Amino acid sequence: MEDTRSQQAATTQDVETVSIDASFEPLIPKFLANRKKEVTAIQNALTAQDFETVRTLSHGMKGAGGSYGFNRITELAAVIEQAAKAADAGTIEHHLPTLGSYLDRIRVIYE
């Protein structure tokens, strides 16, 4: 059982490599910083049971992720958005840390 936990810990620390068009390079650091701030804002809204704010922020993140080529951001934000529409705090609480962790592990390669 100890080995499984060690493997899971190592997996969560793995780097996620994303290839992005080189023309976006000047924008990406601020883009990622803003997404991290949104994760914090979503957590705060969730704590306040403000599902409309969670929905609005995750909807924006969903669109921005796809626009910049971060498909995983789009996927996770879409799940959070749908959960916010249903006032499903459990699903949001499950996926929001995954989104935050993903943002912390991204390594961008510019093509």
N, C-alpha and C. Protein backbone atom coordinates (compact mmCIF):
# COMPACT_ATOMS: atom_id res chain seq x y z
N MET A 1 0.82 -1.19 0.00
CA MET A 1 0.00 0.00 0.00
C MET A 1 0.87 1.25 0.00
N GLU A 2 1.97 1.24 0.71
CA GLU A 2 2.88 2.37 0.77
C GLU A 2 3.44 2.68 -0.62
N ASP A 3 3.76 1.63 -1.40
CA ASP A 3 4.29 1.82 -2.74
C ASP A 3 3.29 2.54 -3.63
N THR A 4 2.00 2.22 -3.51
CA THR A 4 0.97 2.86 -4.33
C THR A 4 0.92 4.35 -4.04
N ARG A 5 0.97 4.72 -2.76
CA ARG A 5 0.94 6.14 -2.41
C ARG A 5 2.17 6.86 -2.96
N SER A 6 3.32 6.23 -2.88
CA SER A 6 4.55 6.83 -3.41
C SER A 6 4.45 7.04 -4.91
N GLN A 7 3.89 6.06 -5.60
CA GLN A 7 3.72 6.19 -7.05
C GLN A 7 2.74 7.31 -7.38
N GLN A 8 1.65 7.41 -6.61
CA GLN A 8 0.68 8.47 -6.87
C GLN A 8 1.31 9.83 -6.62
N ALA A 9 2.09 9.98 -5.58
CA ALA A 9 2.75 11.24 -5.29
C ALA A 9 3.70 11.62 -6.42
N ALA A 10 4.44 10.64 -6.93
CA ALA A 10 5.35 10.91 -8.04
C ALA A 10 4.58 11.32 -9.28
N THR A 11 3.46 10.67 -9.53
CA THR A 11 2.66 10.99 -10.71
C THR A 11 2.12 12.41 -10.65
N THR A 12 1.68 12.86 -9.48
CA THR A 12 1.12 14.21 -9.38
C THR A 12 2.18 15.27 -9.59
N GLN A 13 3.45 14.90 -9.44
CA GLN A 13 4.52 15.87 -9.63
C GLN A 13 5.06 15.87 -11.07
N ASP A 14 4.59 14.98 -11.90
CA ASP A 14 5.06 14.90 -13.27
C ASP A 14 4.74 16.18 -14.02
N VAL A 15 5.63 16.54 -14.90
CA VAL A 15 5.47 17.74 -15.73
C VAL A 15 4.51 17.42 -16.87
N GLU A 16 3.65 18.35 -17.15
CA GLU A 16 2.73 18.25 -18.30
C GLU A 16 3.29 19.15 -19.40
N THR A 17 3.71 18.55 -20.49
CA THR A 17 4.27 19.32 -21.61
C THR A 17 3.17 19.66 -22.59
N VAL A 18 3.12 20.95 -22.96
CA VAL A 18 2.12 21.43 -23.91
C VAL A 18 2.85 22.20 -25.01
N SER A 19 2.55 21.85 -26.26
CA SER A 19 3.14 22.56 -27.40
C SER A 19 2.20 23.69 -27.81
N ILE A 20 2.76 24.89 -27.88
CA ILE A 20 1.99 26.09 -28.18
C ILE A 20 2.65 26.83 -29.34
N ASP A 21 1.85 27.44 -30.16
CA ASP A 21 2.34 28.26 -31.26
C ASP A 21 3.28 29.34 -30.70
N ALA A 22 4.42 29.49 -31.32
CA ALA A 22 5.44 30.44 -30.85
C ALA A 22 4.94 31.88 -30.83
N SER A 23 3.95 32.21 -31.63
CA SER A 23 3.44 33.58 -31.63
C SER A 23 2.75 33.93 -30.30
N PHE A 24 2.38 32.94 -29.52
CA PHE A 24 1.74 33.18 -28.22
C PHE A 24 2.75 33.33 -27.08
N GLU A 25 4.02 33.09 -27.36
CA GLU A 25 5.03 33.07 -26.29
C GLU A 25 5.00 34.29 -25.37
N PRO A 26 4.88 35.51 -25.88
CA PRO A 26 4.87 36.65 -24.97
C PRO A 26 3.63 36.69 -24.05
N LEU A 27 2.57 36.01 -24.44
CA LEU A 27 1.31 36.06 -23.69
C LEU A 27 1.16 34.95 -22.66
N ILE A 28 1.88 33.87 -22.82
CA ILE A 28 1.64 32.67 -22.01
C ILE A 28 1.92 32.85 -20.51
N PRO A 29 3.00 33.48 -20.11
CA PRO A 29 3.21 33.62 -18.66
C PRO A 29 2.05 34.33 -17.95
N LYS A 30 1.57 35.40 -18.52
CA LYS A 30 0.44 36.12 -17.91
C LYS A 30 -0.84 35.29 -18.01
N PHE A 31 -1.02 34.61 -19.12
CA PHE A 31 -2.18 33.73 -19.29
C PHE A 31 -2.24 32.70 -18.16
N LEU A 32 -1.13 32.02 -17.92
CA LEU A 32 -1.10 30.98 -16.89
C LEU A 32 -1.26 31.58 -15.49
N ALA A 33 -0.65 32.74 -15.25
CA ALA A 33 -0.80 33.40 -13.95
C ALA A 33 -2.27 33.77 -13.70
N ASN A 34 -2.94 34.24 -14.74
CA ASN A 34 -4.36 34.59 -14.60
C ASN A 34 -5.22 33.36 -14.33
N ARG A 35 -4.90 32.23 -14.97
CA ARG A 35 -5.67 31.01 -14.71
C ARG A 35 -5.50 30.55 -13.27
N LYS A 36 -4.27 30.69 -12.74
CA LYS A 36 -4.03 30.31 -11.34
C LYS A 36 -4.83 31.20 -10.40
N LYS A 37 -4.91 32.49 -10.71
CA LYS A 37 -5.72 33.41 -9.90
C LYS A 37 -7.20 33.01 -9.98
N GLU A 38 -7.63 32.57 -11.15
CA GLU A 38 -9.02 32.15 -11.30
C GLU A 38 -9.32 30.89 -10.49
N VAL A 39 -8.37 29.99 -10.40
CA VAL A 39 -8.56 28.80 -9.57
C VAL A 39 -8.80 29.23 -8.12
N THR A 40 -8.02 30.18 -7.65
CA THR A 40 -8.20 30.70 -6.29
C THR A 40 -9.56 31.37 -6.14
N ALA A 41 -9.95 32.15 -7.14
CA ALA A 41 -11.25 32.83 -7.10
C ALA A 41 -12.40 31.82 -7.12
N ILE A 42 -12.25 30.76 -7.90
CA ILE A 42 -13.28 29.72 -7.94
C ILE A 42 -13.38 29.05 -6.57
N GLN A 43 -12.24 28.76 -5.96
CA GLN A 43 -12.25 28.15 -4.63
C GLN A 43 -12.96 29.05 -3.62
N ASN A 44 -12.67 30.35 -3.67
CA ASN A 44 -13.32 31.29 -2.77
C ASN A 44 -14.82 31.35 -3.02
N ALA A 45 -15.21 31.36 -4.28
CA ALA A 45 -16.64 31.38 -4.62
C ALA A 45 -17.32 30.10 -4.17
N LEU A 46 -16.63 28.98 -4.33
CA LEU A 46 -17.19 27.70 -3.89
C LEU A 46 -17.39 27.69 -2.38
N THR A 47 -16.42 28.21 -1.65
CA THR A 47 -16.53 28.29 -0.19
C THR A 47 -17.76 29.10 0.20
N ALA A 48 -18.07 30.13 -0.58
CA ALA A 48 -19.24 30.98 -0.31
C ALA A 48 -20.52 30.41 -0.93
N GLN A 49 -20.40 29.24 -1.56
CA GLN A 49 -21.54 28.61 -2.25
C GLN A 49 -22.09 29.52 -3.36
N ASP A 50 -21.19 30.31 -3.98
CA ASP A 50 -21.56 31.22 -5.07
C ASP A 50 -21.33 30.48 -6.39
N PHE A 51 -22.28 29.64 -6.75
CA PHE A 51 -22.13 28.81 -7.94
C PHE A 51 -22.17 29.62 -9.23
N GLU A 52 -22.82 30.76 -9.22
CA GLU A 52 -22.86 31.59 -10.43
C GLU A 52 -21.47 32.14 -10.74
N THR A 53 -20.75 32.56 -9.73
CA THR A 53 -19.38 33.03 -9.95
C THR A 53 -18.49 31.87 -10.40
N VAL A 54 -18.65 30.71 -9.79
CA VAL A 54 -17.89 29.53 -10.21
C VAL A 54 -18.19 29.24 -11.68
N ARG A 55 -19.45 29.29 -12.05
CA ARG A 55 -19.84 29.02 -13.43
C ARG A 55 -19.23 30.03 -14.39
N THR A 56 -19.33 31.31 -14.04
CA THR A 56 -18.81 32.37 -14.91
C THR A 56 -17.30 32.26 -15.10
N LEU A 57 -16.58 32.06 -14.01
CA LEU A 57 -15.12 31.95 -14.11
C LEU A 57 -14.69 30.71 -14.88
N SER A 58 -15.34 29.59 -14.60
CA SER A 58 -14.94 28.37 -15.30
C SER A 58 -15.33 28.43 -16.78
N HIS A 59 -16.43 29.09 -17.09
CA HIS A 59 -16.82 29.25 -18.50
C HIS A 59 -15.75 30.05 -19.25
N GLY A 60 -15.31 31.14 -18.65
CA GLY A 60 -14.25 31.94 -19.28
C GLY A 60 -12.96 31.18 -19.43
N MET A 61 -12.62 30.40 -18.41
CA MET A 61 -11.40 29.61 -18.46
C MET A 61 -11.50 28.54 -19.54
N LYS A 62 -12.67 27.97 -19.69
CA LYS A 62 -12.90 26.94 -20.72
C LYS A 62 -12.59 27.52 -22.10
N GLY A 63 -13.10 28.68 -22.38
CA GLY A 63 -12.87 29.31 -23.68
C GLY A 63 -11.43 29.74 -23.88
N ALA A 64 -10.84 30.32 -22.84
CA ALA A 64 -9.46 30.79 -22.95
C ALA A 64 -8.50 29.63 -23.14
N GLY A 65 -8.73 28.55 -22.44
CA GLY A 65 -7.84 27.39 -22.57
C GLY A 65 -7.76 26.90 -24.00
N GLY A 66 -8.92 26.76 -24.63
CA GLY A 66 -8.95 26.29 -26.01
C GLY A 66 -8.33 27.28 -26.98
N SER A 67 -8.55 28.56 -26.73
CA SER A 67 -8.01 29.60 -27.61
C SER A 67 -6.49 29.60 -27.64
N TYR A 68 -5.88 29.25 -26.51
CA TYR A 68 -4.42 29.27 -26.42
C TYR A 68 -3.80 27.89 -26.65
N GLY A 69 -4.62 26.88 -26.80
CA GLY A 69 -4.10 25.55 -27.08
C GLY A 69 -3.91 24.67 -25.85
N PHE A 70 -4.49 25.07 -24.74
CA PHE A 70 -4.41 24.27 -23.51
C PHE A 70 -5.71 23.48 -23.37
N ASN A 71 -5.79 22.38 -24.08
CA ASN A 71 -7.03 21.61 -24.12
C ASN A 71 -7.42 21.02 -22.77
N ARG A 72 -6.44 20.68 -21.94
CA ARG A 72 -6.76 20.11 -20.63
C ARG A 72 -7.43 21.15 -19.73
N ILE A 73 -7.01 22.42 -19.84
CA ILE A 73 -7.69 23.48 -19.09
C ILE A 73 -9.15 23.54 -19.52
N THR A 74 -9.38 23.48 -20.82
CA THR A 74 -10.74 23.52 -21.35
C THR A 74 -11.56 22.35 -20.82
N GLU A 75 -10.99 21.16 -20.83
CA GLU A 75 -11.72 19.97 -20.37
C GLU A 75 -12.11 20.08 -18.90
N LEU A 76 -11.16 20.44 -18.06
CA LEU A 76 -11.42 20.52 -16.62
C LEU A 76 -12.38 21.67 -16.29
N ALA A 77 -12.18 22.81 -16.96
CA ALA A 77 -13.07 23.95 -16.72
C ALA A 77 -14.50 23.63 -17.16
N ALA A 78 -14.65 22.85 -18.22
CA ALA A 78 -15.99 22.47 -18.69
C ALA A 78 -16.71 21.62 -17.65
N VAL A 79 -15.98 20.69 -17.03
CA VAL A 79 -16.56 19.85 -15.99
C VAL A 79 -16.99 20.72 -14.80
N ILE A 80 -16.13 21.65 -14.42
CA ILE A 80 -16.44 22.54 -13.29
C ILE A 80 -17.63 23.43 -13.62
N GLU A 81 -17.68 23.94 -14.85
CA GLU A 81 -18.81 24.77 -15.26
C GLU A 81 -20.12 24.01 -15.16
N GLN A 82 -20.15 22.79 -15.68
CA GLN A 82 -21.38 21.99 -15.62
C GLN A 82 -21.77 21.68 -14.18
N ALA A 83 -20.78 21.40 -13.34
CA ALA A 83 -21.06 21.14 -11.93
C ALA A 83 -21.62 22.39 -11.25
N ALA A 84 -21.11 23.55 -11.62
CA ALA A 84 -21.62 24.80 -11.04
C ALA A 84 -23.07 25.04 -11.44
N LYS A 85 -23.41 24.72 -12.68
CA LYS A 85 -24.80 24.86 -13.13
C LYS A 85 -25.73 23.99 -12.30
N ALA A 86 -25.22 22.85 -11.85
CA ALA A 86 -26.02 21.91 -11.06
C ALA A 86 -25.83 22.13 -9.55
N ALA A 87 -25.06 23.14 -9.17
CA ALA A 87 -24.73 23.40 -7.77
C ALA A 87 -24.15 22.15 -7.11
N ASP A 88 -23.29 21.46 -7.86
CA ASP A 88 -22.67 20.21 -7.41
C ASP A 88 -21.29 20.51 -6.82
N ALA A 89 -21.26 20.88 -5.55
CA ALA A 89 -20.00 21.26 -4.90
C ALA A 89 -19.01 20.11 -4.87
N GLY A 90 -19.48 18.89 -4.71
CA GLY A 90 -18.58 17.74 -4.63
C GLY A 90 -17.76 17.54 -5.89
N THR A 91 -18.40 17.68 -7.04
CA THR A 91 -17.68 17.54 -8.31
C THR A 91 -16.67 18.67 -8.48
N ILE A 92 -17.05 19.87 -8.11
CA ILE A 92 -16.13 21.00 -8.21
C ILE A 92 -14.94 20.77 -7.28
N GLU A 93 -15.20 20.36 -6.05
CA GLU A 93 -14.14 20.10 -5.08
C GLU A 93 -13.20 19.00 -5.56
N HIS A 94 -13.72 18.07 -6.33
CA HIS A 94 -12.90 16.99 -6.87
C HIS A 94 -12.00 17.46 -8.02
N HIS A 95 -12.55 18.28 -8.92
CA HIS A 95 -11.81 18.66 -10.13
C HIS A 95 -10.98 19.93 -10.00
N LEU A 96 -11.33 20.82 -9.10
CA LEU A 96 -10.59 22.07 -8.97
C LEU A 96 -9.13 21.85 -8.57
N PRO A 97 -8.84 20.98 -7.60
CA PRO A 97 -7.43 20.72 -7.30
C PRO A 97 -6.67 20.11 -8.47
N THR A 98 -7.35 19.31 -9.27
CA THR A 98 -6.72 18.73 -10.46
C THR A 98 -6.33 19.84 -11.42
N LEU A 99 -7.22 20.81 -11.60
CA LEU A 99 -6.94 21.94 -12.48
C LEU A 99 -5.77 22.76 -11.93
N GLY A 100 -5.79 23.04 -10.64
CA GLY A 100 -4.69 23.80 -10.03
C GLY A 100 -3.36 23.09 -10.16
N SER A 101 -3.38 21.79 -9.92
CA SER A 101 -2.16 20.98 -10.04
C SER A 101 -1.65 20.98 -11.47
N TYR A 102 -2.56 20.84 -12.40
CA TYR A 102 -2.18 20.87 -13.82
C TYR A 102 -1.47 22.18 -14.16
N LEU A 103 -2.05 23.29 -13.72
CA LEU A 103 -1.46 24.60 -14.00
C LEU A 103 -0.05 24.72 -13.41
N ASP A 104 0.16 24.10 -12.27
CA ASP A 104 1.48 24.14 -11.63
C ASP A 104 2.51 23.27 -12.34
N ARG A 105 2.05 22.29 -13.09
CA ARG A 105 2.96 21.32 -13.70
C ARG A 105 3.21 21.56 -15.19
N ILE A 106 2.60 22.57 -15.77
CA ILE A 106 2.73 22.80 -17.21
C ILE A 106 4.15 23.25 -17.56
N ARG A 107 4.67 22.63 -18.60
CA ARG A 107 5.90 23.07 -19.23
C ARG A 107 5.54 23.34 -20.67
N VAL A 108 5.74 24.58 -21.12
CA VAL A 108 5.34 24.97 -22.46
C VAL A 108 6.51 24.86 -23.41
N ILE A 109 6.25 24.24 -24.55
CA ILE A 109 7.23 24.19 -25.64
C ILE A 109 6.63 25.00 -26.78
N TYR A 110 7.40 25.96 -27.28
CA TYR A 110 6.90 26.82 -28.35
C TYR A 110 7.38 26.30 -29.70
N GLU A 111 6.44 26.17 -30.61
CA GLU A 111 6.76 25.65 -31.95
C GLU A 111 6.63 26.72 -33.00
